[in-house]
Amino acid sequence: MNETAFQDWYLRHYKAMMVIPILLLLLSIGQIAWQTYTTGDFIKKSVSLKGGISVSLLGDIDEQAVGEELQKSFPAADIDVRILAQAGTKSGIEVEIDLDVSNEANVASFKSALLRAVPGLKKETLDENLKIRSPVLGKSFFNTAMKTLLFSFILMGVVVTLNFRTFVPSVAVVLAAFSDIIGTVAFMNIADMRLSTSGIAALLMLIGYSVDTDILLTMKVLGRQGARAMDMVTRAMKTGLMMTATTIIACLVSIMFIISLDIKQIMIIILVGLIIDIINTWIQNVGILLLYLEKKGEL
């Protein structure tokens, strides 16, 4: 399909295609609402945000045996045992458990259970890799981070509105960024990912990535100076998709070869957000702009 044929096809079908991002947004909001109703939180939080104990151990460790031993010792606790991998090869495990760390007996019991579950694990090695998180500190950080995320989103909306000074295009940019965040959070819930401090940083980064492509598109279309709107959409799409593709490749490489789960979570969040952003920018945002121009008689 050549460029002219693609543009004609897009103009004929863009209204129907807008059902896709709208449905995606509604399903994401529904998932987050259900998560909140059933668990009390809109997203699962890691030990770094809700308090407890985390430990990373390298080596060929039986994660199932560790999980069973901890579940037997702490039946009421929320336990998460994840595999650490590099280039597709298992390199160790990470364990998180939401224990009351103010009670020293809980910490001692956790250490004993882990030493029983991992033959050959030395107490000194365990102590070196053990991280204890205060629930008060975690809750405070989470609340502050959520306020920062909301404040960043509001500032982004203000800057976009001041830049374009036109209601509909400005709303389209903000809506695309909002849809990216909501869709990514819903994916994390479905995939049973636990949000960590690094994950919050990734969500902040995602706002920037989203706005970048949306502003590129909006500036091209609104500043076309007599050129056809679809010509500008196509030019913006070529540049924007190239930018997104390079970032997606970087994320995939990082996910494959980096051991750190924190960095992996950042890359997974950005990867998922960028894939969702392709839909929200090049279907939803383009559709809103074309509807706006059609209403003004400029399409």
C-alpha atoms as a PDB file:
ATOM      1  CA  MET A   1       0.000   0.000   0.000  1.00  0.00           C
ATOM      2  CA  ASN A   2       1.543   3.324  -1.040  1.00  0.00           C
ATOM      3  CA  GLU A   3       1.334   6.480   1.036  1.00  0.00           C
ATOM      4  CA  THR A   4      -1.622   7.985  -0.875  1.00  0.00           C
ATOM      5  CA  ALA A   5      -3.628   4.761  -0.612  1.00  0.00           C
ATOM      6  CA  PHE A   6      -2.856   4.561   3.122  1.00  0.00           C
ATOM      7  CA  GLN A   7      -4.030   8.137   3.666  1.00  0.00           C
ATOM      8  CA  ASP A   8      -7.279   7.520   1.777  1.00  0.00           C
ATOM      9  CA  TRP A   9      -7.888   4.305   3.714  1.00  0.00           C
ATOM     10  CA  TYR A  10      -7.192   6.051   7.023  1.00  0.00           C
ATOM     11  CA  LEU A  11      -9.586   8.905   6.235  1.00  0.00           C
ATOM     12  CA  ARG A  12     -12.347   6.410   5.459  1.00  0.00           C
ATOM     13  CA  HIS A  13     -11.878   4.344   8.607  1.00  0.00           C
ATOM     14  CA  TYR A  14     -10.473   6.634  11.336  1.00  0.00           C
ATOM     15  CA  LYS A  15     -13.863   7.132  13.019  1.00  0.00           C
ATOM     16  CA  ALA A  16     -14.488   3.406  13.266  1.00  0.00           C
ATOM     17  CA  MET A  17     -10.935   2.774  14.511  1.00  0.00           C
ATOM     18  CA  MET A  18     -11.444   5.191  17.404  1.00  0.00           C
ATOM     19  CA  VAL A  19     -13.567   2.481  19.033  1.00  0.00           C
ATOM     20  CA  ILE A  20     -10.317   0.603  19.803  1.00  0.00           C
ATOM     21  CA  PRO A  21      -8.693   3.191  22.152  1.00  0.00           C
ATOM     22  CA  ILE A  22     -12.068   4.076  23.698  1.00  0.00           C
ATOM     23  CA  LEU A  23     -12.750   0.416  24.483  1.00  0.00           C
ATOM     24  CA  LEU A  24      -9.196  -0.036  25.786  1.00  0.00           C
ATOM     25  CA  LEU A  25      -9.600   2.946  28.138  1.00  0.00           C
ATOM     26  CA  LEU A  26     -12.986   1.772  29.428  1.00  0.00           C
ATOM     27  CA  LEU A  27     -11.709  -1.757  30.055  1.00  0.00           C
ATOM     28  CA  SER A  28      -8.632  -0.364  31.852  1.00  0.00           C
ATOM     29  CA  ILE A  29     -10.749   1.861  34.089  1.00  0.00           C
ATOM     30  CA  GLY A  30     -13.015  -1.102  34.803  1.00  0.00           C
ATOM     31  CA  GLN A  31     -10.058  -3.303  35.753  1.00  0.00           C
ATOM     32  CA  ILE A  32      -8.627  -0.663  38.097  1.00  0.00           C
ATOM     33  CA  ALA A  33     -12.058  -0.119  39.677  1.00  0.00           C
ATOM     34  CA  TRP A  34     -12.412  -3.873  40.247  1.00  0.00           C
ATOM     35  CA  GLN A  35      -8.892  -4.065  41.705  1.00  0.00           C
ATOM     36  CA  THR A  36      -9.725  -1.248  44.098  1.00  0.00           C
ATOM     37  CA  TYR A  37     -13.052  -2.829  45.086  1.00  0.00           C
ATOM     38  CA  THR A  38     -11.592  -6.282  45.751  1.00  0.00           C
ATOM     39  CA  THR A  39      -8.246  -5.358  47.351  1.00  0.00           C
ATOM     40  CA  GLY A  40      -8.641  -1.795  48.633  1.00  0.00           C
ATOM     41  CA  ASP A  41      -5.709  -0.624  46.474  1.00  0.00           C
ATOM     42  CA  PHE A  42      -5.811   0.406  42.811  1.00  0.00           C
ATOM     43  CA  ILE A  43      -2.493  -1.406  42.267  1.00  0.00           C
ATOM     44  CA  LYS A  44      -0.431  -4.029  44.058  1.00  0.00           C
ATOM     45  CA  LYS A  45       2.506  -2.539  45.930  1.00  0.00           C
ATOM     46  CA  SER A  46       5.895  -4.062  46.579  1.00  0.00           C
ATOM     47  CA  VAL A  47       7.596  -4.224  49.966  1.00  0.00           C
ATOM     48  CA  SER A  48       9.415  -0.970  49.166  1.00  0.00           C
ATOM     49  CA  LEU A  49       6.038   0.825  49.260  1.00  0.00           C
ATOM     50  CA  LYS A  50       4.064  -1.103  51.889  1.00  0.00           C
ATOM     51  CA  GLY A  51       6.762  -2.295  54.272  1.00  0.00           C
ATOM     52  CA  GLY A  52       8.209  -5.732  55.033  1.00  0.00           C
ATOM     53  CA  ILE A  53      11.295  -7.720  54.114  1.00  0.00           C
ATOM     54  CA  SER A  54      12.966  -8.301  50.764  1.00  0.00           C
ATOM     55  CA  VAL A  55      16.049 -10.328  49.910  1.00  0.00           C
ATOM     56  CA  SER A  56      17.858 -11.192  46.672  1.00  0.00           C
ATOM     57  CA  LEU A  57      19.881 -14.412  46.492  1.00  0.00           C
ATOM     58  CA  LEU A  58      22.042 -15.540  43.569  1.00  0.00           C
ATOM     59  CA  GLY A  59      22.517 -19.166  42.614  1.00  0.00           C
ATOM     60  CA  ASP A  60      20.500 -22.180  41.526  1.00  0.00           C
ATOM     61  CA  ILE A  61      17.805 -21.928  44.206  1.00  0.00           C
ATOM     62  CA  ASP A  62      14.518 -23.836  44.184  1.00  0.00           C
ATOM     63  CA  GLU A  63      11.979 -20.991  44.272  1.00  0.00           C
ATOM     64  CA  GLN A  64       9.079 -23.395  44.813  1.00  0.00           C
ATOM     65  CA  ALA A  65      10.675 -24.861  47.953  1.00  0.00           C
ATOM     66  CA  VAL A  66      11.322 -21.344  49.260  1.00  0.00           C
ATOM     67  CA  GLY A  67       7.725 -20.298  48.624  1.00  0.00           C
ATOM     68  CA  GLU A  68       6.302 -23.402  50.299  1.00  0.00           C
ATOM     69  CA  GLU A  69       8.503 -23.033  53.380  1.00  0.00           C
ATOM     70  CA  LEU A  70       7.646 -19.369  53.818  1.00  0.00           C
ATOM     71  CA  GLN A  71       3.940 -20.006  53.255  1.00  0.00           C
ATOM     72  CA  LYS A  72       4.044 -22.733  55.910  1.00  0.00           C
ATOM     73  CA  SER A  73       5.808 -20.436  58.373  1.00  0.00           C
ATOM     74  CA  PHE A  74       3.715 -17.325  57.578  1.00  0.00           C
ATOM     75  CA  PRO A  75       0.307 -18.484  56.275  1.00  0.00           C
ATOM     76  CA  ALA A  76      -1.296 -15.033  56.618  1.00  0.00           C
ATOM     77  CA  ALA A  77       1.494 -13.080  54.908  1.00  0.00           C
ATOM     78  CA  ASP A  78       1.605 -11.887  51.308  1.00  0.00           C
ATOM     79  CA  ILE A  79       4.650 -13.672  49.862  1.00  0.00           C
ATOM     80  CA  ASP A  80       6.185 -13.088  46.441  1.00  0.00           C
ATOM     81  CA  VAL A  81       9.071 -15.246  45.169  1.00  0.00           C
ATOM     82  CA  ARG A  82      10.405 -14.158  41.772  1.00  0.00           C
ATOM     83  CA  ILE A  83      13.133 -15.573  39.555  1.00  0.00           C
ATOM     84  CA  LEU A  84      16.124 -13.401  38.677  1.00  0.00           C
ATOM     85  CA  ALA A  85      17.207 -14.027  35.104  1.00  0.00           C
ATOM     86  CA  GLN A  86      19.783 -12.712  32.666  1.00  0.00           C
ATOM     87  CA  ALA A  87      19.656 -13.447  28.919  1.00  0.00           C
ATOM     88  CA  GLY A  88      16.976 -16.040  29.608  1.00  0.00           C
ATOM     89  CA  THR A  89      19.100 -17.904  32.174  1.00  0.00           C
ATOM     90  CA  LYS A  90      18.084 -18.140  35.814  1.00  0.00           C
ATOM     91  CA  SER A  91      20.596 -16.423  38.079  1.00  0.00           C
ATOM     92  CA  GLY A  92      18.793 -16.412  41.438  1.00  0.00           C
ATOM     93  CA  ILE A  93      15.603 -15.397  43.221  1.00  0.00           C
ATOM     94  CA  GLU A  94      14.109 -12.383  44.968  1.00  0.00           C
ATOM     95  CA  VAL A  95      11.785 -12.846  47.926  1.00  0.00           C
ATOM     96  CA  GLU A  96       9.354 -10.264  49.335  1.00  0.00           C
ATOM     97  CA  ILE A  97       7.087 -10.683  52.348  1.00  0.00           C
ATOM     98  CA  ASP A  98       4.889  -8.098  54.091  1.00  0.00           C
ATOM     99  CA  LEU A  99       5.766  -8.871  57.702  1.00  0.00           C
ATOM    100  CA  ASP A 100       5.494  -6.529  60.677  1.00  0.00           C
ATOM    101  CA  VAL A 101       9.185  -5.659  60.888  1.00  0.00           C
ATOM    102  CA  SER A 102       8.734  -3.795  64.168  1.00  0.00           C
ATOM    103  CA  ASN A 103       8.515  -7.249  65.755  1.00  0.00           C
ATOM    104  CA  GLU A 104      12.063  -8.642  65.812  1.00  0.00           C
ATOM    105  CA  ALA A 105      10.705 -12.164  66.251  1.00  0.00           C
ATOM    106  CA  ASN A 106       9.148 -11.947  62.766  1.00  0.00           C
ATOM    107  CA  VAL A 107      12.484 -11.015  61.212  1.00  0.00           C
ATOM    108  CA  ALA A 108      14.257 -13.837  63.048  1.00  0.00           C
ATOM    109  CA  SER A 109      11.565 -16.349  61.981  1.00  0.00           C
ATOM    110  CA  PHE A 110      11.873 -15.230  58.361  1.00  0.00           C
ATOM    111  CA  LYS A 111      15.629 -15.743  58.408  1.00  0.00           C
ATOM    112  CA  SER A 112      15.242 -19.204  59.944  1.00  0.00           C
ATOM    113  CA  ALA A 113      12.655 -20.241  57.360  1.00  0.00           C
ATOM    114  CA  LEU A 114      14.844 -19.058  54.493  1.00  0.00           C
ATOM    115  CA  LEU A 115      17.910 -20.839  55.877  1.00  0.00           C
ATOM    116  CA  ARG A 116      15.877 -24.056  56.071  1.00  0.00           C
ATOM    117  CA  ALA A 117      14.552 -23.639  52.517  1.00  0.00           C
ATOM    118  CA  VAL A 118      17.922 -22.888  50.880  1.00  0.00           C
ATOM    119  CA  PRO A 119      20.539 -25.565  51.633  1.00  0.00           C
ATOM    120  CA  GLY A 120      24.022 -24.127  51.934  1.00  0.00           C
ATOM    121  CA  LEU A 121      22.861 -20.547  52.468  1.00  0.00           C
ATOM    122  CA  LYS A 122      25.057 -18.862  55.033  1.00  0.00           C
ATOM    123  CA  LYS A 123      23.589 -16.527  57.650  1.00  0.00           C
ATOM    124  CA  GLU A 124      26.200 -13.875  56.791  1.00  0.00           C
ATOM    125  CA  THR A 125      25.168 -13.932  53.118  1.00  0.00           C
ATOM    126  CA  LEU A 126      21.512 -13.666  54.063  1.00  0.00           C
ATOM    127  CA  ASP A 127      22.153 -10.690  56.373  1.00  0.00           C
ATOM    128  CA  GLU A 128      24.119  -8.882  53.660  1.00  0.00           C
ATOM    129  CA  ASN A 129      21.283  -9.172  51.140  1.00  0.00           C
ATOM    130  CA  LEU A 130      18.376  -8.576  53.537  1.00  0.00           C
ATOM    131  CA  LYS A 131      16.425  -5.311  53.253  1.00  0.00           C
ATOM    132  CA  ILE A 132      13.916  -4.277  55.900  1.00  0.00           C
ATOM    133  CA  ARG A 133      11.328  -1.647  54.945  1.00  0.00           C
ATOM    134  CA  SER A 134       9.259   0.329  57.427  1.00  0.00           C
ATOM    135  CA  PRO A 135       5.526   0.331  56.573  1.00  0.00           C
ATOM    136  CA  VAL A 136       5.213   3.933  57.772  1.00  0.00           C
ATOM    137  CA  LEU A 137       8.044   5.087  55.525  1.00  0.00           C
ATOM    138  CA  GLY A 138       6.698   3.072  52.594  1.00  0.00           C
ATOM    139  CA  LYS A 139       3.196   4.516  52.951  1.00  0.00           C
ATOM    140  CA  SER A 140       4.566   8.048  53.243  1.00  0.00           C
ATOM    141  CA  PHE A 141       6.713   7.609  50.131  1.00  0.00           C
ATOM    142  CA  PHE A 142       3.803   6.145  48.160  1.00  0.00           C
ATOM    143  CA  ASN A 143       1.465   9.015  49.088  1.00  0.00           C
ATOM    144  CA  THR A 144       4.135  11.584  48.199  1.00  0.00           C
ATOM    145  CA  ALA A 145       4.868   9.822  44.916  1.00  0.00           C
ATOM    146  CA  MET A 146       1.181   9.749  43.952  1.00  0.00           C
ATOM    147  CA  LYS A 147       0.892  13.477  44.676  1.00  0.00           C
ATOM    148  CA  THR A 148       3.999  14.087  42.561  1.00  0.00           C
ATOM    149  CA  LEU A 149       2.539  12.024  39.719  1.00  0.00           C
ATOM    150  CA  LEU A 150      -0.741  13.946  39.878  1.00  0.00           C
ATOM    151  CA  PHE A 151       1.058  17.303  40.094  1.00  0.00           C
ATOM    152  CA  SER A 152       3.245  16.387  37.110  1.00  0.00           C
ATOM    153  CA  PHE A 153       0.164  15.454  35.118  1.00  0.00           C
ATOM    154  CA  ILE A 154      -1.563  18.743  35.964  1.00  0.00           C
ATOM    155  CA  LEU A 155       1.527  20.775  35.039  1.00  0.00           C
ATOM    156  CA  MET A 156       1.801  18.856  31.771  1.00  0.00           C
ATOM    157  CA  GLY A 157      -1.809  19.740  30.982  1.00  0.00           C
ATOM    158  CA  VAL A 158      -1.207  23.414  31.760  1.00  0.00           C
ATOM    159  CA  VAL A 159       1.914  23.583  29.573  1.00  0.00           C
ATOM    160  CA  VAL A 160       0.150  21.854  26.669  1.00  0.00           C
ATOM    161  CA  THR A 161      -2.866  24.181  26.936  1.00  0.00           C
ATOM    162  CA  LEU A 162      -0.666  27.287  27.038  1.00  0.00           C
ATOM    163  CA  ASN A 163       1.342  26.034  24.085  1.00  0.00           C
ATOM    164  CA  PHE A 164      -1.568  25.265  21.724  1.00  0.00           C
ATOM    165  CA  ARG A 165      -4.174  27.649  23.179  1.00  0.00           C
ATOM    166  CA  THR A 166      -6.847  25.538  21.501  1.00  0.00           C
ATOM    167  CA  PHE A 167      -9.162  23.404  23.617  1.00  0.00           C
ATOM    168  CA  VAL A 168      -9.719  20.260  21.535  1.00  0.00           C
ATOM    169  CA  PRO A 169      -6.067  19.579  20.504  1.00  0.00           C
ATOM    170  CA  SER A 170      -4.925  20.252  24.084  1.00  0.00           C
ATOM    171  CA  VAL A 171      -7.509  17.838  25.490  1.00  0.00           C
ATOM    172  CA  ALA A 172      -6.433  15.223  22.930  1.00  0.00           C
ATOM    173  CA  VAL A 173      -2.810  15.367  24.154  1.00  0.00           C
ATOM    174  CA  VAL A 174      -3.800  15.167  27.827  1.00  0.00           C
ATOM    175  CA  LEU A 175      -6.297  12.360  27.151  1.00  0.00           C
ATOM    176  CA  ALA A 176      -3.648  10.311  25.341  1.00  0.00           C
ATOM    177  CA  ALA A 177      -1.221  10.636  28.272  1.00  0.00           C
ATOM    178  CA  PHE A 178      -3.992   9.771  30.748  1.00  0.00           C
ATOM    179  CA  SER A 179      -4.993   6.735  28.670  1.00  0.00           C
ATOM    180  CA  ASP A 180      -1.368   5.545  28.551  1.00  0.00           C
ATOM    181  CA  ILE A 181      -1.016   5.672  32.350  1.00  0.00           C
ATOM    182  CA  ILE A 182      -4.395   4.029  33.009  1.00  0.00           C
ATOM    183  CA  GLY A 183      -3.758   1.287  30.451  1.00  0.00           C
ATOM    184  CA  THR A 184      -0.297   0.557  31.867  1.00  0.00           C
ATOM    185  CA  VAL A 185      -1.573   0.352  35.461  1.00  0.00           C
ATOM    186  CA  ALA A 186      -4.341  -2.022  34.347  1.00  0.00           C
ATOM    187  CA  PHE A 187      -1.757  -4.220  32.596  1.00  0.00           C
ATOM    188  CA  MET A 188       0.378  -4.315  35.750  1.00  0.00           C
ATOM    189  CA  ASN A 189      -2.638  -5.485  37.745  1.00  0.00           C
ATOM    190  CA  ILE A 190      -3.496  -8.194  35.212  1.00  0.00           C
ATOM    191  CA  ALA A 191       0.146  -9.347  35.060  1.00  0.00           C
ATOM    192  CA  ASP A 192       0.306  -9.374  38.886  1.00  0.00           C
ATOM    193  CA  MET A 193       3.206  -6.896  38.897  1.00  0.00           C
ATOM    194  CA  ARG A 194       3.911  -5.135  42.176  1.00  0.00           C
ATOM    195  CA  LEU A 195       4.626  -1.437  41.926  1.00  0.00           C
ATOM    196  CA  SER A 196       7.970  -0.433  43.438  1.00  0.00           C
ATOM    197  CA  THR A 197       9.693   2.914  43.902  1.00  0.00           C
ATOM    198  CA  SER A 198      11.390   2.434  40.538  1.00  0.00           C
ATOM    199  CA  GLY A 199       8.003   1.686  38.975  1.00  0.00           C
ATOM    200  CA  ILE A 200       6.702   5.082  40.054  1.00  0.00           C
ATOM    201  CA  ALA A 201       9.697   6.697  38.353  1.00  0.00           C
ATOM    202  CA  ALA A 202       8.831   4.745  35.199  1.00  0.00           C
ATOM    203  CA  LEU A 203       5.238   6.050  35.253  1.00  0.00           C
ATOM    204  CA  LEU A 204       6.589   9.606  35.485  1.00  0.00           C
ATOM    205  CA  MET A 205       8.886   8.903  32.539  1.00  0.00           C
ATOM    206  CA  LEU A 206       5.951   7.490  30.608  1.00  0.00           C
ATOM    207  CA  ILE A 207       4.117  10.819  30.798  1.00  0.00           C
ATOM    208  CA  GLY A 208       7.086  12.418  29.048  1.00  0.00           C
ATOM    209  CA  TYR A 209       7.287   9.746  26.371  1.00  0.00           C
ATOM    210  CA  SER A 210       3.551  10.003  25.699  1.00  0.00           C
ATOM    211  CA  VAL A 211       3.444  13.781  25.470  1.00  0.00           C
ATOM    212  CA  ASP A 212       6.490  13.785  23.183  1.00  0.00           C
ATOM    213  CA  THR A 213       4.760  11.945  20.330  1.00  0.00           C
ATOM    214  CA  ASP A 214       1.419  13.684  20.864  1.00  0.00           C
ATOM    215  CA  ILE A 215       2.958  17.162  20.730  1.00  0.00           C
ATOM    216  CA  LEU A 216       4.925  16.161  17.624  1.00  0.00           C
ATOM    217  CA  LEU A 217       1.675  15.085  15.937  1.00  0.00           C
ATOM    218  CA  THR A 218      -0.352  18.117  17.049  1.00  0.00           C
ATOM    219  CA  MET A 219       2.294  20.647  16.021  1.00  0.00           C
ATOM    220  CA  LYS A 220       2.661  19.046  12.590  1.00  0.00           C
ATOM    221  CA  VAL A 221      -1.091  19.034  11.936  1.00  0.00           C
ATOM    222  CA  LEU A 222      -1.964  22.469  13.352  1.00  0.00           C
ATOM    223  CA  GLY A 223       1.066  24.147  11.763  1.00  0.00           C
ATOM    224  CA  ARG A 224       0.651  22.583   8.327  1.00  0.00           C
ATOM    225  CA  GLN A 225       0.374  26.002   6.515  1.00  0.00           C
ATOM    226  CA  GLY A 226      -1.823  24.888   3.636  1.00  0.00           C
ATOM    227  CA  ALA A 227      -0.609  21.293   3.368  1.00  0.00           C
ATOM    228  CA  ARG A 228      -3.091  18.417   3.596  1.00  0.00           C
ATOM    229  CA  ALA A 229      -3.758  17.267   7.164  1.00  0.00           C
ATOM    230  CA  MET A 230      -3.106  13.615   6.275  1.00  0.00           C
ATOM    231  CA  ASP A 231       0.251  14.529   4.733  1.00  0.00           C
ATOM    232  CA  MET A 232       1.276  15.999   8.085  1.00  0.00           C
ATOM    233  CA  VAL A 233      -0.152  13.015   9.976  1.00  0.00           C
ATOM    234  CA  THR A 234       1.896  10.659   7.808  1.00  0.00           C
ATOM    235  CA  ARG A 235       5.099  12.665   8.336  1.00  0.00           C
ATOM    236  CA  ALA A 236       4.543  12.805  12.087  1.00  0.00           C
ATOM    237  CA  MET A 237       3.748   9.073  12.135  1.00  0.00           C
ATOM    238  CA  LYS A 238       7.005   8.170  10.388  1.00  0.00           C
ATOM    239  CA  THR A 239       9.056  10.195  12.872  1.00  0.00           C
ATOM    240  CA  GLY A 240       7.033   9.213  15.944  1.00  0.00           C
ATOM    241  CA  LEU A 241       6.967   5.484  15.205  1.00  0.00           C
ATOM    242  CA  MET A 242      10.708   5.507  14.553  1.00  0.00           C
ATOM    243  CA  MET A 243      11.285   7.169  17.944  1.00  0.00           C
ATOM    244  CA  THR A 244       8.997   4.662  19.649  1.00  0.00           C
ATOM    245  CA  ALA A 245      10.570   1.671  17.884  1.00  0.00           C
ATOM    246  CA  THR A 246      14.097   2.589  18.991  1.00  0.00           C
ATOM    247  CA  THR A 247      12.945   2.924  22.616  1.00  0.00           C
ATOM    248  CA  ILE A 248      11.051  -0.384  22.448  1.00  0.00           C
ATOM    249  CA  ILE A 249      14.191  -2.146  21.179  1.00  0.00           C
ATOM    250  CA  ALA A 250      16.240  -0.627  24.012  1.00  0.00           C
ATOM    251  CA  CYS A 251      13.637  -1.807  26.537  1.00  0.00           C
ATOM    252  CA  LEU A 252      13.604  -5.357  25.135  1.00  0.00           C
ATOM    253  CA  VAL A 253      17.402  -5.601  25.271  1.00  0.00           C
ATOM    254  CA  SER A 254      17.428  -4.338  28.867  1.00  0.00           C
ATOM    255  CA  ILE A 255      14.710  -6.791  29.932  1.00  0.00           C
ATOM    256  CA  MET A 256      16.668  -9.694  28.411  1.00  0.00           C
ATOM    257  CA  PHE A 257      20.158  -8.942  29.735  1.00  0.00           C
ATOM    258  CA  ILE A 258      19.796  -6.992  33.001  1.00  0.00           C
ATOM    259  CA  ILE A 259      19.431  -8.895  36.290  1.00  0.00           C
ATOM    260  CA  SER A 260      18.063  -6.059  38.452  1.00  0.00           C
ATOM    261  CA  LEU A 261      14.300  -6.426  38.933  1.00  0.00           C
ATOM    262  CA  ASP A 262      13.968  -2.698  39.567  1.00  0.00           C
ATOM    263  CA  ILE A 263      15.436  -1.850  36.165  1.00  0.00           C
ATOM    264  CA  LYS A 264      13.410  -4.640  34.564  1.00  0.00           C
ATOM    265  CA  GLN A 265      10.220  -3.138  36.016  1.00  0.00           C
ATOM    266  CA  ILE A 266      11.113   0.303  34.659  1.00  0.00           C
ATOM    267  CA  MET A 267      11.703  -1.165  31.202  1.00  0.00           C
ATOM    268  CA  ILE A 268       8.539  -3.307  31.255  1.00  0.00           C
ATOM    269  CA  ILE A 269       6.396  -0.329  32.275  1.00  0.00           C
ATOM    270  CA  ILE A 270       7.895   1.873  29.563  1.00  0.00           C
ATOM    271  CA  LEU A 271       7.584  -0.938  26.996  1.00  0.00           C
ATOM    272  CA  VAL A 272       3.908  -1.562  27.768  1.00  0.00           C
ATOM    273  CA  GLY A 273       3.196   2.168  27.946  1.00  0.00           C
ATOM    274  CA  LEU A 274       4.786   2.789  24.542  1.00  0.00           C
ATOM    275  CA  ILE A 275       2.779  -0.001  22.913  1.00  0.00           C
ATOM    276  CA  ILE A 276      -0.416   1.457  24.381  1.00  0.00           C
ATOM    277  CA  ASP A 277       0.747   4.923  23.296  1.00  0.00           C
ATOM    278  CA  ILE A 278       0.920   3.778  19.662  1.00  0.00           C
ATOM    279  CA  ILE A 279      -2.836   3.132  19.823  1.00  0.00           C
ATOM    280  CA  ASN A 280      -3.651   6.285  21.763  1.00  0.00           C
ATOM    281  CA  THR A 281      -1.520   8.610  19.636  1.00  0.00           C
ATOM    282  CA  TRP A 282      -1.930   7.274  16.101  1.00  0.00           C
ATOM    283  CA  ILE A 283      -5.586   6.242  16.374  1.00  0.00           C
ATOM    284  CA  GLN A 284      -7.176   8.215  19.220  1.00  0.00           C
ATOM    285  CA  ASN A 285      -5.282  11.493  18.976  1.00  0.00           C
ATOM    286  CA  VAL A 286      -5.209  11.485  15.164  1.00  0.00           C
ATOM    287  CA  GLY A 287      -8.941  10.759  15.138  1.00  0.00           C
ATOM    288  CA  ILE A 288      -9.731  13.631  17.493  1.00  0.00           C
ATOM    289  CA  LEU A 289      -7.631  16.046  15.422  1.00  0.00           C
ATOM    290  CA  LEU A 290      -9.268  14.930  12.175  1.00  0.00           C
ATOM    291  CA  LEU A 291     -12.735  15.312  13.695  1.00  0.00           C
ATOM    292  CA  TYR A 292     -11.727  18.779  14.920  1.00  0.00           C
ATOM    293  CA  LEU A 293     -10.504  19.815  11.464  1.00  0.00           C
ATOM    294  CA  GLU A 294     -13.550  18.271   9.769  1.00  0.00           C
ATOM    295  CA  LYS A 295     -15.869  20.313  12.029  1.00  0.00           C
ATOM    296  CA  LYS A 296     -13.941  23.462  11.114  1.00  0.00           C
ATOM    297  CA  GLY A 297     -14.142  22.565   7.437  1.00  0.00           C
ATOM    298  CA  GLU A 298     -10.337  22.300   7.125  1.00  0.00           C
ATOM    299  CA  LEU A 299      -9.943  18.581   6.521  1.00  0.00           C
END
